[in-house]
Amino acid sequence: MAVPISTLSTPAELRRICRHANLHLLVSSPTYLRHSFVDLIANALGGLDHERPPYRLAALPRLRSVWMWG
C-alpha cells in the first residue's frame, strides 16, 4: 500500500503521518524546487543520523528504511 504525503508537510505532520500509517519504508526525492526533503525527513524522524538500516526508532517502531531516489 502506498501512502501519499504532501510535499508541504511540516516535520511534525510528517512524523505523525509516518507513525499513524505504520510505514515500513519511506521513499522520497532528495529535493524538489527549493524544498530539501533530506532536511525535512531528518527533522521529522530524528535519530536517523545515528542509525543504519534497518532502523529501530522508538517513535516509529515499524519504519525500517528511508530511500532517497533521484
Protein backbone atom coordinates (compact mmCIF):
# COMPACT_ATOMS: atom_id res chain seq x y z
CA MET A 1 0.00 0.00 0.00
CA ALA A 2 1.31 3.48 -0.84
CA VAL A 3 0.58 6.49 1.34
CA PRO A 4 0.86 9.82 -0.48
CA ILE A 5 2.38 12.58 1.63
CA SER A 6 2.14 16.27 0.83
CA THR A 7 5.40 17.95 -0.14
CA LEU A 8 4.29 20.86 2.06
CA SER A 9 4.12 18.77 5.25
CA THR A 10 5.90 20.14 8.31
CA PRO A 11 8.27 17.88 10.27
CA ALA A 12 5.57 17.35 12.93
CA GLU A 13 2.99 16.43 10.30
CA LEU A 14 5.37 14.04 8.57
CA ARG A 15 6.24 12.35 11.88
CA ARG A 16 2.53 11.93 12.68
CA ILE A 17 1.74 10.54 9.21
CA CYS A 18 4.61 8.03 9.41
CA ARG A 19 3.55 6.92 12.89
CA HIS A 20 -0.17 6.56 12.13
CA ALA A 21 0.38 4.88 8.74
CA ASN A 22 2.79 2.35 10.30
CA LEU A 23 5.24 2.94 7.46
CA HIS A 24 7.93 0.34 6.91
CA LEU A 25 9.61 2.18 4.03
CA LEU A 26 9.74 5.89 3.17
CA VAL A 27 10.71 6.79 -0.41
CA SER A 28 11.45 10.39 -1.34
CA SER A 29 13.29 12.61 -3.76
CA PRO A 30 16.14 14.46 -2.02
CA THR A 31 14.86 17.83 -3.25
CA TYR A 32 12.03 19.41 -5.17
CA LEU A 33 12.24 23.02 -6.31
CA ARG A 34 13.56 24.79 -3.20
CA HIS A 35 12.45 22.11 -0.71
CA SER A 36 15.04 19.82 0.86
CA PHE A 37 13.33 16.59 1.80
CA VAL A 38 16.56 15.28 3.31
CA ASP A 39 16.37 18.05 5.93
CA LEU A 40 12.60 17.65 6.37
CA ILE A 41 12.87 13.90 6.96
CA ALA A 42 15.88 14.29 9.27
CA ASN A 43 13.99 16.87 11.35
CA ALA A 44 10.78 14.86 11.37
CA LEU A 45 12.23 11.47 12.21
CA GLY A 46 15.20 12.50 14.33
CA GLY A 47 17.88 9.99 15.20
CA LEU A 48 18.41 8.71 11.66
CA ASP A 49 21.89 10.21 11.53
CA HIS A 50 22.98 7.82 14.31
CA GLU A 51 21.26 4.74 12.89
CA ARG A 52 21.80 2.39 9.97
CA PRO A 53 19.06 0.42 8.22
CA PRO A 54 17.13 -1.44 9.39
CA TYR A 55 16.13 1.43 11.67
CA ARG A 56 14.86 0.92 15.19
CA LEU A 57 13.27 4.21 16.23
CA ALA A 58 11.10 4.18 19.35
CA ALA A 59 8.77 6.84 17.89
CA LEU A 60 8.35 4.88 14.62
CA PRO A 61 8.68 1.20 15.51
CA ARG A 62 7.70 -0.13 12.07
CA LEU A 63 9.97 2.11 9.94
CA ARG A 64 12.97 0.16 8.67
CA SER A 65 14.28 2.09 5.64
CA VAL A 66 14.33 5.53 4.06
CA TRP A 67 15.23 5.67 0.37
CA MET A 68 16.22 8.87 -1.42
CA TRP A 69 15.60 8.44 -5.13
CA GLY A 70 16.77 10.89 -7.72
